[in-house]
């Protein structure tokens, strides 16, 4: 006879919830789409006998964690549905273990008004992940005039950004920070001085000189970060630096945090794993990203920032492109790679397995930290919270294959890589939306 007290139980797994300081073997009980309670492992045996088989999720040997949150994703819809749609992006997110994603506004048309925000929200109804919209900070992402920020927030925008473009005008950036403060949302900044990065193809380094490609100097990111920290201090607002890649930027953010400036930041797996040394090997156009892959010194500094807490979040910066767009010379390819389905495996293989961070550290940077920065629900398994849950097979060995991607695009430089750790099941509101 089916249990009437609970709808579902996840049993036999190790439950990790950094928000609660919780990490031990336990059973998670779900009722009406919410976490009803977390029971001690082994003490639920009698109760489990009252459940039907389809009410029990066996998580033996697995990790049970709050649903992962990716606060930096490009869904391409509206405008480039050949590259990705809201539905396909959410399907890829669920396969990667993400229950919530935040989509960037550089679509066509740009998400700088209520109508486009509502369009994406409507498309996300009944999708395999929750979609939160980040509105454009300036109209058409041109950096000339602020968007109607209040209107964007009114319909649900959780932050503003011109991602892909640096807000070069300091007066405009200051006003964006001041308006954002009124609504308690962060300004998410793509920190890269455009005057120093005009026409660049890769990182400015020995490799760019050897390959004859125009390089983006690391100081372009450092200058942008330092300026915005100063403006954030003056505006007494919230600043979030997108995809940090350089030692100078990490150092600047670390010092600003010590001084009490309300600045947060994120890093991507590809900037934690790859360097510009890879580009000259095969000129794989999936390696062209913005900001570019940096030097070994920069990568090590970003990892150090991840370890000491300077870097708050790990994000995918999932940026789909069609095969036709990427099938060209390296300098002609649009920047970006997909990442929703490889992020977890890359972080496990190259960050956890190498001893930089524990599972609890990584889960914190992929759940409660982004939830707090963007004032999102979720990020915890606290009793009464929505049952968005990721079950991870921590030592699952797997090979990245293009045919396995749920994303419509396949532009990943990690195809063929052997990774460890993968999402096993993903639950959204207590319902399984993905299972391996």
Protein backbone atom coordinates (compact mmCIF):
# COMPACT_ATOMS: atom_id res chain seq x y z
CA UNK A 1 0.00 0.00 0.00
CA UNK A 2 1.46 3.37 -0.99
CA UNK A 3 2.56 5.72 1.77
CA UNK A 4 0.11 8.58 2.24
CA UNK A 5 2.39 10.63 4.42
CA UNK A 6 5.05 11.08 1.71
CA UNK A 7 5.08 10.98 -2.08
CA UNK A 8 8.69 9.94 -2.58
CA UNK A 9 11.79 8.98 -0.63
CA UNK A 10 15.42 9.14 -1.73
CA UNK A 11 17.20 6.51 0.29
CA UNK A 12 20.68 5.17 0.80
CA UNK A 13 22.62 8.22 -0.39
CA UNK A 14 25.02 10.63 1.25
CA UNK A 15 23.19 13.93 1.65
CA UNK A 16 25.30 17.08 1.35
CA UNK A 17 23.80 20.51 1.99
CA UNK A 18 26.40 23.22 2.65
CA UNK A 19 23.66 25.74 3.46
CA UNK A 20 22.70 23.61 6.47
CA UNK A 21 26.21 22.39 7.24
CA UNK A 22 24.83 18.91 6.59
CA UNK A 23 26.86 16.02 5.23
CA UNK A 24 26.01 12.41 6.16
CA UNK A 25 24.13 9.32 5.07
CA UNK A 26 20.42 10.06 5.25
CA UNK A 27 17.00 9.57 3.63
CA UNK A 28 15.17 12.50 2.04
CA UNK A 29 11.37 12.42 2.20
CA UNK A 30 9.31 14.45 -0.28
CA UNK A 31 5.66 15.48 -0.03
CA UNK A 32 3.71 17.76 -2.41
CA UNK A 33 6.87 18.75 -4.27
CA UNK A 34 8.74 19.89 -1.16
CA UNK A 35 11.34 18.41 1.17
CA UNK A 36 9.29 17.11 4.09
CA UNK A 37 12.12 15.83 6.25
CA UNK A 38 15.60 14.35 6.23
CA UNK A 39 15.77 11.16 8.28
CA UNK A 40 18.79 9.36 9.67
CA UNK A 41 19.91 6.50 7.47
CA UNK A 42 18.85 3.10 8.71
CA UNK A 43 16.14 4.44 10.98
CA UNK A 44 13.59 4.63 8.17
CA UNK A 45 13.49 0.91 7.42
CA UNK A 46 10.03 0.38 8.89
CA UNK A 47 8.58 3.40 7.15
CA UNK A 48 10.10 2.42 3.81
CA UNK A 49 8.09 -0.80 3.81
CA UNK A 50 4.94 1.30 3.37
CA UNK A 51 6.18 2.78 0.07
CA UNK A 52 5.47 1.36 -3.37
CA UNK A 53 8.52 0.63 -5.52
CA UNK A 54 7.89 3.64 -7.73
CA UNK A 55 8.00 5.89 -4.66
CA UNK A 56 11.55 4.89 -3.76
CA UNK A 57 14.66 6.34 -5.38
CA UNK A 58 17.66 4.18 -4.55
CA UNK A 59 20.67 6.48 -4.13
CA UNK A 60 23.09 3.93 -2.67
CA UNK A 61 26.65 5.00 -3.43
CA UNK A 62 25.42 8.38 -4.68
CA UNK A 63 25.45 11.97 -3.43
CA UNK A 64 22.12 13.69 -2.82
CA UNK A 65 22.47 17.47 -3.02
CA UNK A 66 20.33 20.57 -3.58
CA UNK A 67 19.52 21.07 -7.25
CA UNK A 68 22.51 22.65 -8.96
CA UNK A 69 22.17 26.26 -10.10
CA UNK A 70 23.98 27.67 -13.15
CA UNK A 71 23.81 31.45 -13.05
CA UNK A 72 25.37 31.99 -16.49
CA UNK A 73 23.73 30.31 -19.50
CA UNK A 74 22.94 31.38 -23.07
CA UNK A 75 19.72 29.86 -24.42
CA UNK A 76 19.72 31.72 -27.79
CA UNK A 77 15.93 31.91 -27.91
CA UNK A 78 14.48 34.18 -29.21
CA UNK A 79 16.37 34.56 -32.46
CA UNK A 80 18.70 31.59 -32.87
CA UNK A 81 16.55 28.55 -32.26
CA UNK A 82 18.85 26.57 -34.57
CA UNK A 83 21.55 26.82 -31.89
CA UNK A 84 19.44 26.30 -28.77
CA UNK A 85 15.91 26.73 -27.50
CA UNK A 86 14.63 27.24 -24.00
CA UNK A 87 13.32 23.67 -24.00
CA UNK A 88 16.50 22.05 -25.36
CA UNK A 89 18.67 24.15 -23.05
CA UNK A 90 16.63 23.03 -20.04
CA UNK A 91 16.90 19.43 -21.22
CA UNK A 92 20.69 19.81 -21.34
CA UNK A 93 20.65 21.47 -17.93
CA UNK A 94 18.75 18.58 -16.35
CA UNK A 95 21.18 16.09 -17.92
CA UNK A 96 24.02 18.07 -16.35
CA UNK A 97 22.35 18.05 -12.95
CA UNK A 98 21.13 21.64 -13.01
CA UNK A 99 17.60 22.37 -11.80
CA UNK A 100 17.85 26.17 -12.19
CA UNK A 101 19.59 28.24 -14.85
CA UNK A 102 19.89 31.98 -15.44
CA UNK A 103 19.80 33.02 -19.09
CA UNK A 104 21.70 35.97 -20.48
CA UNK A 105 19.91 38.71 -22.44
CA UNK A 106 22.01 38.82 -25.64
CA UNK A 107 19.29 37.25 -27.77
CA UNK A 108 17.61 38.63 -30.88
CA UNK A 109 15.62 40.64 -29.96
CA UNK A 110 17.57 41.58 -26.85
CA UNK A 111 15.89 40.96 -23.52
CA UNK A 112 15.75 44.63 -22.56
CA UNK A 113 11.97 44.89 -22.13
CA UNK A 114 9.08 43.15 -20.44
CA UNK A 115 7.78 41.43 -23.57
CA UNK A 116 10.97 39.49 -24.32
CA UNK A 117 11.38 38.50 -20.66
CA UNK A 118 7.80 37.23 -20.57
CA UNK A 119 8.36 35.35 -23.83
CA UNK A 120 11.24 33.35 -22.35
CA UNK A 121 9.34 32.77 -19.11
CA UNK A 122 6.37 31.44 -21.07
CA UNK A 123 8.60 29.15 -23.11
CA UNK A 124 10.08 27.79 -19.89
CA UNK A 125 6.74 26.61 -18.55
CA UNK A 126 6.86 22.84 -17.99
CA UNK A 127 10.53 22.68 -19.03
CA UNK A 128 13.03 20.36 -17.34
CA UNK A 129 14.66 23.19 -15.36
CA UNK A 130 13.67 26.51 -13.84
CA UNK A 131 14.68 29.48 -15.97
CA UNK A 132 15.47 32.87 -14.46
CA UNK A 133 16.03 35.80 -16.79
CA UNK A 134 18.88 38.29 -16.48
CA UNK A 135 17.76 41.49 -18.20
CA UNK A 136 19.90 43.74 -20.36
CA UNK A 137 21.50 46.60 -18.44
CA UNK A 138 21.37 48.92 -21.45
CA UNK A 139 18.99 49.12 -24.38
CA UNK A 140 19.98 46.75 -27.18
CA UNK A 141 23.16 46.03 -25.14
CA UNK A 142 24.71 49.05 -26.85
CA UNK A 143 26.06 50.71 -23.70
CA UNK A 144 24.40 54.02 -24.51
CA UNK A 145 21.18 54.20 -22.49
CA UNK A 146 19.96 52.25 -19.48
CA UNK A 147 17.12 49.79 -19.96
CA UNK A 148 13.90 50.24 -18.01
CA UNK A 149 15.36 48.38 -15.06
CA UNK A 150 12.29 48.72 -12.85
CA UNK A 151 10.08 47.21 -15.54
CA UNK A 152 12.48 44.28 -15.99
CA UNK A 153 12.53 43.57 -12.26
CA UNK A 154 8.74 43.85 -12.10
CA UNK A 155 8.35 40.90 -14.48
CA UNK A 156 10.99 38.79 -12.77
CA UNK A 157 14.49 39.72 -13.98
CA UNK A 158 16.91 38.64 -11.24
CA UNK A 159 19.85 40.83 -12.33
CA UNK A 160 21.02 43.02 -15.18
CA UNK A 161 23.99 42.67 -17.51
CA UNK A 162 25.32 43.46 -20.96
CA UNK A 163 27.19 40.14 -20.98
CA UNK A 164 29.43 39.89 -23.98
CA UNK A 165 29.95 43.64 -23.80
CA UNK A 166 31.65 45.78 -21.18
CA UNK A 167 29.71 48.87 -20.11
CA UNK A 168 32.53 51.17 -21.15
CA UNK A 169 30.94 54.45 -20.00
CA UNK A 170 31.69 54.82 -16.25
CA UNK A 171 28.83 57.27 -15.70
CA UNK A 172 26.35 54.80 -17.20
CA UNK A 173 27.81 51.95 -15.14
CA UNK A 174 27.50 54.01 -11.97
CA UNK A 175 23.83 54.74 -12.72
CA UNK A 176 23.21 51.05 -13.44
CA UNK A 177 24.65 50.17 -10.03
CA UNK A 178 22.55 52.83 -8.31
CA UNK A 179 19.32 51.70 -9.98
CA UNK A 180 20.14 48.05 -9.22
CA UNK A 181 20.65 48.93 -5.56
CA UNK A 182 17.06 50.20 -5.34
CA UNK A 183 15.81 46.75 -6.39
CA UNK A 184 18.43 44.74 -4.48
CA UNK A 185 19.76 43.03 -7.59
CA UNK A 186 23.37 42.80 -8.77
CA UNK A 187 24.85 44.24 -11.92
CA UNK A 188 26.64 41.36 -13.66
CA UNK A 189 29.57 42.76 -15.58
CA UNK A 190 31.57 41.31 -18.46
CA UNK A 191 34.84 42.90 -17.36
CA UNK A 192 36.95 43.55 -20.44
CA UNK A 193 37.96 47.04 -21.52
CA UNK A 194 36.84 47.30 -25.13
CA UNK A 195 39.57 49.71 -26.18
CA UNK A 196 42.18 47.11 -25.27
CA UNK A 197 40.23 44.21 -26.77
CA UNK A 198 39.15 45.54 -30.15
CA UNK A 199 39.48 42.84 -32.81
CA UNK A 200 41.17 40.31 -30.53
CA UNK A 201 41.11 36.57 -31.19
CA UNK A 202 42.83 34.96 -28.20
CA UNK A 203 44.85 35.79 -25.10
CA UNK A 204 47.84 38.09 -25.60
CA UNK A 205 50.83 35.88 -24.86
CA UNK A 206 53.73 34.03 -26.36
CA UNK A 207 51.18 31.78 -28.03
CA UNK A 208 49.35 34.64 -29.75
CA UNK A 209 52.66 35.99 -31.04
CA UNK A 210 53.71 32.55 -32.25
CA UNK A 211 50.39 32.00 -34.02
CA UNK A 212 50.17 35.52 -35.44
CA UNK A 213 46.81 36.29 -33.79
CA UNK A 214 45.71 39.55 -32.20
CA UNK A 215 45.69 39.04 -28.45
CA UNK A 216 43.56 40.37 -25.59
CA UNK A 217 45.88 41.50 -22.80
CA UNK A 218 45.03 40.28 -19.31
CA UNK A 219 45.31 43.86 -18.07
CA UNK A 220 42.10 44.65 -19.99
CA UNK A 221 40.17 42.51 -17.50
CA UNK A 222 42.09 43.83 -14.50
CA UNK A 223 41.46 47.48 -15.43
CA UNK A 224 37.76 46.82 -15.93
CA UNK A 225 37.45 45.02 -12.59
CA UNK A 226 39.31 47.75 -10.69
CA UNK A 227 37.13 50.48 -12.18
CA UNK A 228 33.91 48.67 -11.41
CA UNK A 229 34.98 47.89 -7.86
CA UNK A 230 35.60 51.61 -7.35
CA UNK A 231 32.16 52.44 -8.78
CA UNK A 232 30.54 49.73 -6.66
CA UNK A 233 32.14 51.23 -3.57
CA UNK A 234 30.78 54.69 -4.44
CA UNK A 235 27.31 53.43 -5.33
CA UNK A 236 27.16 51.10 -2.31
CA UNK A 237 25.60 48.54 -4.62
CA UNK A 238 26.09 44.90 -5.60
CA UNK A 239 28.54 43.95 -8.34
CA UNK A 240 29.04 40.49 -9.79
CA UNK A 241 32.00 39.89 -12.10
CA UNK A 242 31.28 37.34 -14.80
CA UNK A 243 33.78 34.59 -15.78
CA UNK A 244 36.96 35.83 -14.05
CA UNK A 245 40.07 34.67 -15.92
CA UNK A 246 43.16 36.63 -14.85
CA UNK A 247 45.46 36.81 -11.84
CA UNK A 248 45.13 40.59 -11.67
CA UNK A 249 41.34 40.40 -11.54
CA UNK A 250 41.38 37.70 -8.83
CA UNK A 251 43.80 39.76 -6.74
CA UNK A 252 41.67 42.89 -7.13
CA UNK A 253 38.47 41.10 -6.12
CA UNK A 254 40.19 39.46 -3.15
CA UNK A 255 41.37 42.84 -1.87
CA UNK A 256 37.95 44.45 -2.45
CA UNK A 257 36.26 41.74 -0.41
CA UNK A 258 38.70 42.33 2.43
CA UNK A 259 37.71 45.99 2.35
CA UNK A 260 34.02 45.10 2.54
CA UNK A 261 33.02 45.97 -1.03
CA UNK A 262 29.91 44.02 -2.05
CA UNK A 263 31.47 42.22 -5.00
CA UNK A 264 31.06 38.59 -6.01
CA UNK A 265 32.37 36.64 -8.97
CA UNK A 266 32.36 33.36 -10.86
CA UNK A 267 34.64 31.08 -12.87
CA UNK A 268 34.00 28.57 -15.64
CA UNK A 269 35.37 25.02 -15.94
CA UNK A 270 37.09 25.82 -19.23
CA UNK A 271 39.10 28.62 -17.62
CA UNK A 272 39.95 26.26 -14.75
CA UNK A 273 41.06 23.42 -17.03
CA UNK A 274 42.34 24.85 -20.33
CA UNK A 275 45.01 27.38 -21.31
CA UNK A 276 45.93 29.15 -24.54
CA UNK A 277 48.61 26.48 -25.11
CA UNK A 278 45.83 24.25 -26.48
CA UNK A 279 44.86 26.52 -29.37
CA UNK A 280 47.84 25.94 -31.63
CA UNK A 281 47.55 22.15 -31.47
CA UNK A 282 44.50 21.69 -33.70
CA UNK A 283 42.97 25.19 -33.95
CA UNK A 284 39.73 23.71 -32.57
CA UNK A 285 37.27 26.58 -32.94
CA UNK A 286 35.45 25.48 -29.79
CA UNK A 287 38.48 26.83 -27.94
CA UNK A 288 37.67 30.35 -29.08
CA UNK A 289 35.80 31.86 -26.14
CA UNK A 290 35.24 35.31 -24.67
CA UNK A 291 37.05 36.09 -22.43
CA UNK A 292 39.78 33.97 -23.98
CA UNK A 293 41.64 31.03 -22.52
CA UNK A 294 44.52 32.47 -20.55
CA UNK A 295 48.03 31.47 -19.48
CA UNK A 296 49.00 28.75 -17.01
CA UNK A 297 49.77 31.50 -14.46
CA UNK A 298 46.29 32.96 -14.83
CA UNK A 299 44.62 29.56 -14.62
CA UNK A 300 46.49 28.75 -11.42
CA UNK A 301 45.45 32.10 -9.93
CA UNK A 302 41.80 31.42 -10.76
CA UNK A 303 42.02 28.01 -9.08
CA UNK A 304 43.64 29.67 -6.05
CA UNK A 305 40.77 32.16 -5.95
CA UNK A 306 38.31 29.30 -6.09
CA UNK A 307 40.04 27.57 -3.18
CA UNK A 308 40.32 30.59 -0.87
CA UNK A 309 36.75 31.74 -1.47
CA UNK A 310 37.51 34.80 -3.56
CA UNK A 311 35.54 33.19 -6.39
CA UNK A 312 32.00 32.49 -5.19
CA UNK A 313 30.46 30.40 -7.97
CA UNK A 314 31.20 27.88 -10.70
CA UNK A 315 29.19 28.44 -13.90
CA UNK A 316 29.14 26.87 -17.36
CA UNK A 317 28.79 29.98 -19.55
CA UNK A 318 26.97 27.57 -21.87
CA UNK A 319 27.24 29.28 -25.29
CA UNK A 320 25.82 27.18 -28.14
CA UNK A 321 26.82 27.75 -31.77
CA UNK A 322 25.82 25.81 -34.86
CA UNK A 323 28.25 23.46 -36.57
CA UNK A 324 28.22 25.70 -39.64
CA UNK A 325 29.28 28.75 -37.64
CA UNK A 326 32.17 26.95 -35.99
CA UNK A 327 33.32 25.10 -39.12
CA UNK A 328 35.70 27.82 -40.29
CA UNK A 329 39.10 29.36 -39.63
CA UNK A 330 39.81 29.97 -35.95
CA UNK A 331 39.82 33.75 -36.25
CA UNK A 332 36.45 33.72 -38.05
CA UNK A 333 34.60 31.58 -35.51
CA UNK A 334 32.16 33.15 -33.04
CA UNK A 335 33.34 32.82 -29.43
CA UNK A 336 31.72 30.31 -27.09
CA UNK A 337 31.41 26.66 -26.12
CA UNK A 338 28.62 24.60 -24.61
CA UNK A 339 29.04 23.47 -21.01
CA UNK A 340 25.85 22.49 -19.19
CA UNK A 341 26.47 18.77 -19.64
CA UNK A 342 30.24 18.73 -18.96
CA UNK A 343 30.60 21.16 -16.04
CA UNK A 344 30.01 18.64 -13.26
CA UNK A 345 32.39 16.05 -14.74
CA UNK A 346 35.13 18.61 -15.37
CA UNK A 347 34.90 20.01 -11.86
CA UNK A 348 34.97 16.53 -10.31
CA UNK A 349 37.89 15.37 -12.45
CA UNK A 350 40.09 18.46 -12.35
CA UNK A 351 39.14 20.24 -9.12
CA UNK A 352 37.88 17.62 -6.64
CA UNK A 353 40.04 14.69 -7.74
CA UNK A 354 43.15 16.89 -7.70
CA UNK A 355 42.44 17.92 -4.11
CA UNK A 356 41.66 21.59 -4.63
CA UNK A 357 38.12 21.46 -3.23
CA UNK A 358 35.87 18.98 -1.45
CA UNK A 359 32.45 17.95 -2.69
CA UNK A 360 30.89 20.23 -0.06
CA UNK A 361 32.96 23.18 -1.34
CA UNK A 362 31.91 22.56 -4.93
CA UNK A 363 28.24 22.06 -4.06
CA UNK A 364 28.29 25.36 -2.13
CA UNK A 365 29.59 27.19 -5.21
CA UNK A 366 26.95 25.57 -7.40
CA UNK A 367 23.90 25.86 -5.12
CA UNK A 368 23.53 28.19 -2.15
CA UNK A 369 26.10 30.78 -3.28
CA UNK A 370 24.39 31.59 -6.62
CA UNK A 371 20.99 31.38 -4.90
CA UNK A 372 22.03 34.02 -2.37
CA UNK A 373 23.69 36.30 -4.92
CA UNK A 374 20.58 36.38 -7.10
CA UNK A 375 17.96 36.01 -4.33
CA UNK A 376 16.74 32.77 -5.89
CA UNK A 377 14.66 30.13 -4.16
CA UNK A 378 16.45 26.82 -3.78
CA UNK A 379 20.05 25.99 -3.05
CA UNK A 380 19.16 23.98 0.07
CA UNK A 381 17.33 20.87 1.23
CA UNK A 382 15.89 22.61 4.26
CA UNK A 383 12.56 21.16 5.34
CA UNK A 384 9.77 22.92 3.47
CA UNK A 385 11.97 23.94 0.56
CA UNK A 386 11.05 22.98 -3.00
CA UNK A 387 12.35 19.51 -3.78
CA UNK A 388 14.79 20.47 -6.52
CA UNK A 389 17.41 17.77 -6.02
CA UNK A 390 20.43 16.46 -7.89
CA UNK A 391 21.66 12.92 -7.33
CA UNK A 392 25.28 12.53 -8.39
CA UNK A 393 27.19 9.36 -9.18
CA UNK A 394 30.51 10.70 -7.84
CA UNK A 395 32.90 8.19 -9.40
CA UNK A 396 31.08 7.38 -12.63
CA UNK A 397 33.66 7.12 -15.41
CA UNK A 398 32.41 8.39 -18.75
CA UNK A 399 33.57 9.71 -22.08
CA UNK A 400 32.20 12.93 -23.55
CA UNK A 401 30.45 12.11 -26.84
CA UNK A 402 28.78 14.58 -29.18
CA UNK A 403 25.92 12.19 -29.86
CA UNK A 404 24.99 12.17 -26.17
CA UNK A 405 24.50 15.94 -25.86
CA UNK A 406 20.92 17.06 -25.22
CA UNK A 407 21.91 20.53 -26.37
CA UNK A 408 21.14 21.32 -30.00
CA UNK A 409 24.75 22.44 -30.46
CA UNK A 410 27.89 20.31 -30.16
CA UNK A 411 30.62 22.97 -29.91
CA UNK A 412 32.60 21.45 -27.06
CA UNK A 413 36.39 21.04 -26.99
CA UNK A 414 35.96 18.22 -24.46
CA UNK A 415 34.53 15.67 -26.89
CA UNK A 416 36.54 12.49 -26.41
CA UNK A 417 37.72 13.44 -22.91
CA UNK A 418 37.38 10.84 -20.15
CA UNK A 419 35.78 12.31 -17.04
CA UNK A 420 34.68 11.14 -13.61
CA UNK A 421 31.46 12.12 -11.85
CA UNK A 422 28.09 12.63 -13.50
CA UNK A 423 24.48 13.48 -12.71
CA UNK A 424 22.52 10.29 -12.04
CA UNK A 425 19.02 11.69 -11.50
CA UNK A 426 17.63 15.23 -11.47
CA UNK A 427 14.41 16.05 -9.62
CA UNK A 428 12.40 19.21 -10.17
CA UNK A 429 9.69 19.87 -7.61
CA UNK A 430 9.94 16.27 -6.45
CA UNK A 431 9.52 14.81 -9.94
CA UNK A 432 12.30 13.06 -11.84
CA UNK A 433 13.01 15.06 -15.00
CA UNK A 434 16.22 13.25 -15.90
CA UNK A 435 17.69 9.87 -15.11
CA UNK A 436 20.82 8.32 -16.47
